[in-house]
Protein backbone atom coordinates (compact mmCIF):
# COMPACT_ATOMS: atom_id res chain seq x y z
CA MET A 1 -10.18 8.00 -10.38
CA GLY A 2 -6.55 7.33 -11.30
CA LYS A 3 -5.05 4.37 -13.08
CA PRO A 4 -3.82 1.60 -10.75
CA VAL A 5 -0.07 1.45 -10.19
CA ALA A 6 1.43 -2.05 -10.21
CA GLN A 7 3.61 -1.40 -7.13
CA PRO A 8 2.20 1.63 -5.33
CA GLY A 9 4.45 1.45 -2.25
CA ALA A 10 7.45 3.33 -3.64
CA ALA A 11 5.24 6.08 -5.08
CA ILE A 12 3.39 6.46 -1.77
CA HIS A 13 6.70 6.58 0.11
CA ASP A 14 8.33 9.09 -2.25
CA ARG A 15 5.37 11.39 -2.86
CA PHE A 16 3.72 11.44 0.56
CA ASN A 17 6.49 10.22 2.89
CA ALA A 18 3.76 8.15 4.54
CA ALA A 19 4.44 5.55 7.21
CA TYR A 20 1.04 3.86 6.85
CA VAL A 21 -1.69 3.45 4.23
CA PHE A 22 -5.33 3.03 5.23
CA ALA A 23 -7.63 1.58 2.55
CA ASP A 24 -11.25 0.56 2.65
CA ARG A 25 -12.09 -2.91 1.38
CA GLU A 26 -13.95 -1.55 -1.67
CA HIS A 27 -10.70 -0.61 -3.47
CA GLU A 28 -10.07 -4.16 -4.65
CA ALA A 29 -7.58 -3.27 -7.42
CA PHE A 30 -5.44 -1.23 -5.02
CA LEU A 31 -5.56 -3.98 -2.39
CA ALA A 32 -4.42 -6.58 -4.93
CA HIS A 33 -1.47 -4.41 -6.03
CA ALA A 34 -0.57 -3.50 -2.45
CA ALA A 35 -0.60 -7.15 -1.37
CA ALA A 36 1.96 -7.97 -4.08
CA ASP A 37 4.17 -4.97 -3.27
CA PRO A 38 7.13 -5.72 -0.94
CA VAL A 39 7.20 -2.07 0.19
CA LEU A 40 3.71 -2.39 1.71
CA LEU A 41 3.29 -4.77 4.64
CA GLU A 42 -0.25 -5.57 5.71
CA ILE A 43 -0.44 -5.09 9.46
CA TYR A 44 -4.21 -5.05 10.05
CA ARG A 45 -7.41 -6.13 8.32
CA ASP A 46 -11.05 -6.23 9.36
CA HIS A 47 -14.38 -6.19 7.52
CA ASP A 48 -14.10 -2.44 6.81
CA ALA A 49 -10.45 -1.61 6.16
CA VAL A 50 -6.87 -2.73 5.60
CA ILE A 51 -3.79 -0.98 7.02
CA PHE A 52 -0.36 -1.31 5.42
CA GLU A 53 2.97 -0.20 6.85
CA VAL A 54 5.16 1.53 4.27
CA VAL A 55 8.71 0.13 4.39
CA SER A 56 11.47 2.27 2.90
CA PRO A 57 12.12 1.03 -0.65
CA GLU A 58 15.87 1.30 0.03
CA LEU A 59 15.53 -1.47 2.63
CA ILE A 60 13.91 -3.79 0.08
CA ARG A 61 16.48 -3.39 -2.72
């Protein structure tokens, strides 16, 4: 398992060119970092998973 990245949104955008991130609720460290990252917008949550939309980092800066 990799080391958590403080703001994973830009890395996810640049490396994977992803529009969305699906995470299960068991990845608490990732969810905490993602919630604080302006590049990742939470668009859905239920008891099993959380979905984030990846916003282009250029739009945030």
